[in-house]
Amino acid sequence: MSQTERDLNALEYIRKYFGVPAKMGMIVKYDGKTGHITGATGEYLKIKMDGERKSFCYHASWKIEYL
């Protein structure tokens, strides 16, 4: 299974378990900063914040605003 397939499976789990609309490439806001979802692992979204060079993990239901 490729990394992309694992990310898509994790995003599907996050959508079902937390009832959020998380999708690859979706714009989100965390603590007043915007970024986009680049993947997922377990209960965490990989988000690349605007102006950052790489993605970091954020819990799918903690302070995330789905735009």
Protein backbone atom coordinates (compact mmCIF):
# COMPACT_ATOMS: atom_id res chain seq x y z
CA MET A 1 0.00 0.00 0.00
CA SER A 2 1.39 3.40 -0.99
CA GLN A 3 1.70 6.39 1.34
CA THR A 4 -1.11 8.13 -0.55
CA GLU A 5 -3.41 5.14 0.00
CA ARG A 6 -2.55 5.09 3.72
CA ASP A 7 -3.26 8.83 3.94
CA LEU A 8 -6.62 8.42 2.17
CA ASN A 9 -7.58 5.54 4.47
CA ALA A 10 -6.63 7.58 7.54
CA LEU A 11 -8.67 10.54 6.25
CA GLU A 12 -11.68 8.28 5.74
CA TYR A 13 -11.31 7.02 9.33
CA ILE A 14 -11.03 10.61 10.64
CA ARG A 15 -14.17 11.67 8.72
CA LYS A 16 -16.20 8.76 10.13
CA TYR A 17 -14.85 8.74 13.69
CA PHE A 18 -14.80 12.50 14.34
CA GLY A 19 -17.58 13.52 11.95
CA VAL A 20 -15.45 16.16 10.23
CA PRO A 21 -15.15 16.89 6.48
CA ALA A 22 -11.35 16.39 6.27
CA LYS A 23 -10.12 15.78 2.71
CA MET A 24 -6.74 15.90 1.00
CA GLY A 25 -5.92 19.48 -0.07
CA MET A 26 -8.71 21.03 2.02
CA ILE A 27 -8.00 24.45 3.53
CA VAL A 28 -8.17 24.55 7.32
CA LYS A 29 -7.52 27.05 10.05
CA TYR A 30 -5.70 26.25 13.30
CA ASP A 31 -5.18 28.83 16.03
CA GLY A 32 -5.76 31.67 13.56
CA LYS A 33 -3.36 30.33 10.90
CA THR A 34 -4.45 28.81 7.60
CA GLY A 35 -2.97 25.85 5.79
CA HIS A 36 -4.00 22.80 3.79
CA ILE A 37 -4.28 19.10 4.55
CA THR A 38 -1.48 17.09 2.98
CA GLY A 39 -2.30 13.69 4.51
CA ALA A 40 -3.15 11.92 7.74
CA THR A 41 -1.89 9.33 10.17
CA GLY A 42 -4.08 7.75 12.84
CA GLU A 43 -6.17 10.51 14.42
CA TYR A 44 -3.86 13.26 13.20
CA LEU A 45 -4.00 15.44 10.12
CA LYS A 46 -0.81 16.40 8.34
CA ILE A 47 -1.20 20.11 7.67
CA LYS A 48 1.19 22.42 5.84
CA MET A 49 0.58 25.88 7.24
CA ASP A 50 0.90 28.84 4.91
CA GLY A 51 4.50 30.06 4.91
CA GLU A 52 5.90 26.82 6.36
CA ARG A 53 8.25 24.50 4.49
CA LYS A 54 6.81 21.18 5.70
CA SER A 55 3.70 19.60 7.16
CA PHE A 56 3.12 18.96 10.85
CA CYS A 57 0.56 16.76 12.64
CA TYR A 58 -2.53 18.24 14.29
CA HIS A 59 -5.33 16.36 16.04
CA ALA A 60 -8.39 16.22 13.79
CA SER A 61 -10.82 17.61 16.38
CA TRP A 62 -8.66 19.98 18.42
CA LYS A 63 -8.94 23.67 17.40
CA ILE A 64 -9.26 22.83 13.68
CA GLU A 65 -11.69 24.89 11.62
CA TYR A 66 -12.57 23.26 8.30
CA LEU A 67 -13.08 25.90 5.62
